[in-house]
């Protein structure tokens, strides 16, 4: 197969992120082989946006190629997601994003929910972290970029009586084990609260009586 080229327009303003996007990075071209990621033609494009806009010339060598895109506001990560190779020129805002690859339904649902909310808050942590009530607004993504195994703790008593249904999302962006654990609270199912690989993502939803239901892509 000959290489396929297409233009990707980074229309960051259309995403309505929390801060204006100044730079973008598109890294590592993947292809789906036996439901896993395999690098077929590594790329690393760093782009400066002008008025939150840039056009990037892209190339795909294999059908089903996967790209990771990171959007930044002066170095602060505002979006970190995967998308599949479009068949023709596209706007970034027209693509469906996944929080990990291979894409699975919980992640597909998760990203659609994020973008239906338009604005969301991303926190990057580099080690152990304790969730706060402010994190559970349904629009917060805790991005774990630790170099060593760490624990994200859900404390008991964090939720007031009207907290039912509140949620947050935790994503592992490094090749270490991240454990989500309750401290005076219950995370259910407990055996699913370990994020073992890059891109593993879970969403916690408060049920009742210091109990959090866990959903998402479990490794």
Protein backbone atom coordinates (compact mmCIF):
# COMPACT_ATOMS: atom_id res chain seq x y z
CA UNK A 1 0.00 0.00 0.00
CA UNK A 2 1.25 3.49 -0.82
CA UNK A 3 1.40 6.12 1.85
CA UNK A 4 -1.80 8.05 2.47
CA UNK A 5 -1.52 11.76 3.14
CA UNK A 6 -4.10 14.09 4.62
CA UNK A 7 -4.30 17.49 6.23
CA UNK A 8 -5.38 17.77 9.84
CA UNK A 9 -6.64 21.21 10.86
CA UNK A 10 -6.09 21.84 14.55
CA UNK A 11 -9.14 24.02 15.26
CA UNK A 12 -8.52 24.12 18.99
CA UNK A 13 -10.94 26.98 19.64
CA UNK A 14 -13.80 24.72 18.53
CA UNK A 15 -13.04 22.35 21.42
CA UNK A 16 -13.70 25.08 23.99
CA UNK A 17 -11.02 23.84 26.36
CA UNK A 18 -10.37 25.54 29.67
CA UNK A 19 -7.39 27.56 28.39
CA UNK A 20 -6.34 28.74 24.90
CA UNK A 21 -4.16 26.21 23.06
CA UNK A 22 -0.71 27.48 22.05
CA UNK A 23 1.07 24.26 21.02
CA UNK A 24 0.28 20.73 19.91
CA UNK A 25 2.25 17.54 19.70
CA UNK A 26 1.29 14.53 17.59
CA UNK A 27 3.39 11.50 18.47
CA UNK A 28 3.83 7.84 17.60
CA UNK A 29 1.90 6.31 14.75
CA UNK A 30 0.27 3.03 15.72
CA UNK A 31 -1.57 0.28 13.90
CA UNK A 32 -4.01 -2.17 15.45
CA UNK A 33 -2.37 -5.64 15.42
CA UNK A 34 -4.16 -8.37 17.39
CA UNK A 35 -5.87 -5.79 19.60
CA UNK A 36 -2.63 -4.17 20.73
CA UNK A 37 -0.47 -1.18 19.86
CA UNK A 38 2.47 -1.56 17.51
CA UNK A 39 4.61 1.34 16.29
CA UNK A 40 4.86 1.10 12.51
CA UNK A 41 6.31 4.47 11.52
CA UNK A 42 7.11 6.67 14.51
CA UNK A 43 6.41 10.37 14.08
CA UNK A 44 6.83 13.33 16.37
CA UNK A 45 5.36 16.61 15.24
CA UNK A 46 5.46 19.71 17.45
CA UNK A 47 3.26 22.52 16.19
CA UNK A 48 2.79 26.14 17.26
CA UNK A 49 -0.78 27.35 16.91
CA UNK A 50 -1.63 30.89 15.89
CA UNK A 51 -4.95 32.07 17.32
CA UNK A 52 -5.58 28.42 18.31
CA UNK A 53 -5.28 27.27 14.69
CA UNK A 54 -2.76 25.27 12.64
CA UNK A 55 -2.77 22.89 9.66
CA UNK A 56 -0.61 19.77 9.89
CA UNK A 57 0.43 17.59 6.93
CA UNK A 58 -0.03 13.99 8.07
CA UNK A 59 1.01 10.68 6.52
CA UNK A 60 -0.20 7.16 7.24
CA UNK A 61 1.61 4.05 6.04
CA UNK A 62 -0.87 1.43 7.27
CA UNK A 63 -4.69 1.23 7.36
CA UNK A 64 -6.00 1.67 10.89
CA UNK A 65 -3.15 3.92 11.97
CA UNK A 66 -3.56 5.51 15.39
CA UNK A 67 -2.27 8.90 16.49
CA UNK A 68 -1.84 10.42 19.92
CA UNK A 69 -2.45 14.15 20.11
CA UNK A 70 -1.49 16.38 23.04
CA UNK A 71 -2.81 19.95 23.16
CA UNK A 72 -1.03 22.40 25.45
CA UNK A 73 -1.55 25.88 26.79
CA UNK A 74 1.94 27.28 27.33
CA UNK A 75 3.22 23.85 28.39
CA UNK A 76 0.19 22.81 30.45
CA UNK A 77 -1.57 19.76 29.00
CA UNK A 78 -5.21 20.47 28.18
CA UNK A 79 -5.98 17.36 26.15
CA UNK A 80 -4.20 14.02 25.73
CA UNK A 81 -6.07 11.57 23.50
CA UNK A 82 -5.92 9.06 20.64
CA UNK A 83 -7.70 9.18 17.28
CA UNK A 84 -7.88 6.92 14.25
CA UNK A 85 -6.60 7.89 10.81
CA UNK A 86 -9.35 9.76 8.94
CA UNK A 87 -10.01 8.84 5.29
CA UNK A 88 -9.54 12.43 4.13
CA UNK A 89 -8.73 15.95 5.34
CA UNK A 90 -10.40 16.65 8.68
CA UNK A 91 -10.84 19.19 11.45
CA UNK A 92 -9.57 17.98 14.80
CA UNK A 93 -12.94 18.84 16.33
CA UNK A 94 -14.64 16.40 13.90
CA UNK A 95 -12.73 13.37 15.17
CA UNK A 96 -13.81 10.92 17.86
CA UNK A 97 -11.27 10.71 20.65
CA UNK A 98 -10.30 7.77 22.82
CA UNK A 99 -8.58 7.88 26.18
CA UNK A 100 -6.62 4.73 25.34
CA UNK A 101 -6.01 2.30 22.53
CA UNK A 102 -7.40 -0.25 21.68
CA UNK A 103 -10.64 1.75 21.99
CA UNK A 104 -13.32 0.13 24.12
CA UNK A 105 -16.84 1.28 24.79
CA UNK A 106 -16.24 2.86 28.23
CA UNK A 107 -13.54 5.09 26.73
CA UNK A 108 -15.62 5.99 23.69
CA UNK A 109 -18.45 6.96 26.03
CA UNK A 110 -16.04 8.82 28.31
CA UNK A 111 -14.64 11.12 25.63
CA UNK A 112 -18.06 11.89 24.17
CA UNK A 113 -19.17 12.87 27.66
CA UNK A 114 -16.14 15.11 28.12
CA UNK A 115 -16.78 16.97 24.91
CA UNK A 116 -20.52 17.26 25.51
CA UNK A 117 -19.55 19.11 28.69
CA UNK A 118 -17.32 21.35 26.54
CA UNK A 119 -14.96 22.53 29.27
CA UNK A 120 -13.09 20.32 31.65
CA UNK A 121 -10.26 20.55 34.16
CA UNK A 122 -7.12 18.48 33.86
CA UNK A 123 -4.76 17.91 36.81
CA UNK A 124 -1.34 16.33 36.29
CA UNK A 125 0.12 14.63 39.36
CA UNK A 126 3.56 13.03 39.69
CA UNK A 127 3.07 10.68 42.63
CA UNK A 128 0.60 9.84 45.38
CA UNK A 129 -2.48 12.06 45.37
CA UNK A 130 -5.57 12.39 47.54
CA UNK A 131 -8.82 13.26 45.80
CA UNK A 132 -10.63 16.41 46.99
CA UNK A 133 -14.33 17.30 46.75
CA UNK A 134 -13.46 19.87 44.07
CA UNK A 135 -12.07 17.08 41.88
CA UNK A 136 -15.46 15.33 41.76
CA UNK A 137 -17.26 17.78 39.49
CA UNK A 138 -17.68 15.42 36.55
CA UNK A 139 -15.26 17.52 34.49
CA UNK A 140 -11.95 16.73 36.20
CA UNK A 141 -9.35 14.36 34.77
CA UNK A 142 -6.53 13.38 37.11
CA UNK A 143 -3.60 12.64 34.78
CA UNK A 144 -1.04 10.48 36.63
CA UNK A 145 2.49 10.99 35.26
CA UNK A 146 4.49 9.34 38.04
CA UNK A 147 7.82 7.63 37.32
CA UNK A 148 7.26 5.13 40.14
CA UNK A 149 4.23 3.13 41.34
CA UNK A 150 1.82 5.36 43.24
CA UNK A 151 -1.62 5.48 44.82
CA UNK A 152 -4.58 7.76 44.19
CA UNK A 153 -6.56 7.83 47.43
CA UNK A 154 -10.30 8.36 47.81
CA UNK A 155 -10.81 9.54 51.40
CA UNK A 156 -13.91 8.79 53.42
CA UNK A 157 -16.18 11.66 54.33
CA UNK A 158 -15.27 13.59 51.18
CA UNK A 159 -18.84 13.47 49.90
CA UNK A 160 -21.69 15.55 51.35
CA UNK A 161 -25.25 14.12 51.29
CA UNK A 162 -26.03 15.60 47.84
CA UNK A 163 -22.94 14.03 46.23
CA UNK A 164 -24.64 11.02 44.62
CA UNK A 165 -23.76 10.76 40.94
CA UNK A 166 -20.71 13.04 41.14
CA UNK A 167 -17.68 11.70 39.30
CA UNK A 168 -14.06 12.13 38.28
CA UNK A 169 -11.72 10.36 35.86
CA UNK A 170 -8.21 9.03 36.50
CA UNK A 171 -5.80 8.27 33.67
CA UNK A 172 -2.38 6.62 33.79
CA UNK A 173 -0.01 8.26 31.28
CA UNK A 174 3.20 6.49 32.28
CA UNK A 175 4.42 2.90 32.26
CA UNK A 176 3.98 2.29 36.01
CA UNK A 177 1.28 0.77 38.20
CA UNK A 178 -1.26 3.23 39.59
CA UNK A 179 -3.57 1.99 42.34
CA UNK A 180 -6.88 3.65 43.17
CA UNK A 181 -7.73 2.94 46.78
CA UNK A 182 -10.25 3.99 49.38
CA UNK A 183 -9.09 5.43 52.71
CA UNK A 184 -12.23 5.20 54.80
CA UNK A 185 -14.14 4.82 51.55
CA UNK A 186 -15.00 1.82 49.36
CA UNK A 187 -13.98 1.53 45.71
CA UNK A 188 -15.98 -1.14 43.90
CA UNK A 189 -14.87 -3.37 42.31
CA UNK A 190 -11.62 -3.18 44.26
CA UNK A 191 -9.85 -5.66 41.98
CA UNK A 192 -10.36 -3.32 39.04
CA UNK A 193 -8.73 -0.32 40.64
CA UNK A 194 -5.21 -0.96 39.35
CA UNK A 195 -4.11 0.87 36.21
CA UNK A 196 -1.23 -1.14 34.79
CA UNK A 197 -0.38 0.47 31.47
CA UNK A 198 -0.15 3.73 29.58
CA UNK A 199 -3.62 4.97 28.70
CA UNK A 200 -5.50 2.92 31.32
CA UNK A 201 -8.43 5.04 32.40
CA UNK A 202 -11.17 4.69 35.02
CA UNK A 203 -14.09 6.84 36.02
CA UNK A 204 -15.30 6.88 39.64
CA UNK A 205 -18.94 7.69 40.35
CA UNK A 206 -20.16 8.29 43.89
CA UNK A 207 -22.96 5.85 44.79
CA UNK A 208 -23.74 6.25 48.47
CA UNK A 209 -22.32 5.98 51.99
CA UNK A 210 -18.68 6.53 51.00
CA UNK A 211 -18.96 3.95 48.19
CA UNK A 212 -17.55 4.75 44.73
CA UNK A 213 -18.45 2.68 41.65
CA UNK A 214 -15.56 2.22 39.24
CA UNK A 215 -16.03 2.05 35.46
CA UNK A 216 -13.75 2.24 32.45
CA UNK A 217 -10.96 0.43 30.70
CA UNK A 218 -9.50 -1.99 33.21
CA UNK A 219 -6.18 -3.56 32.21
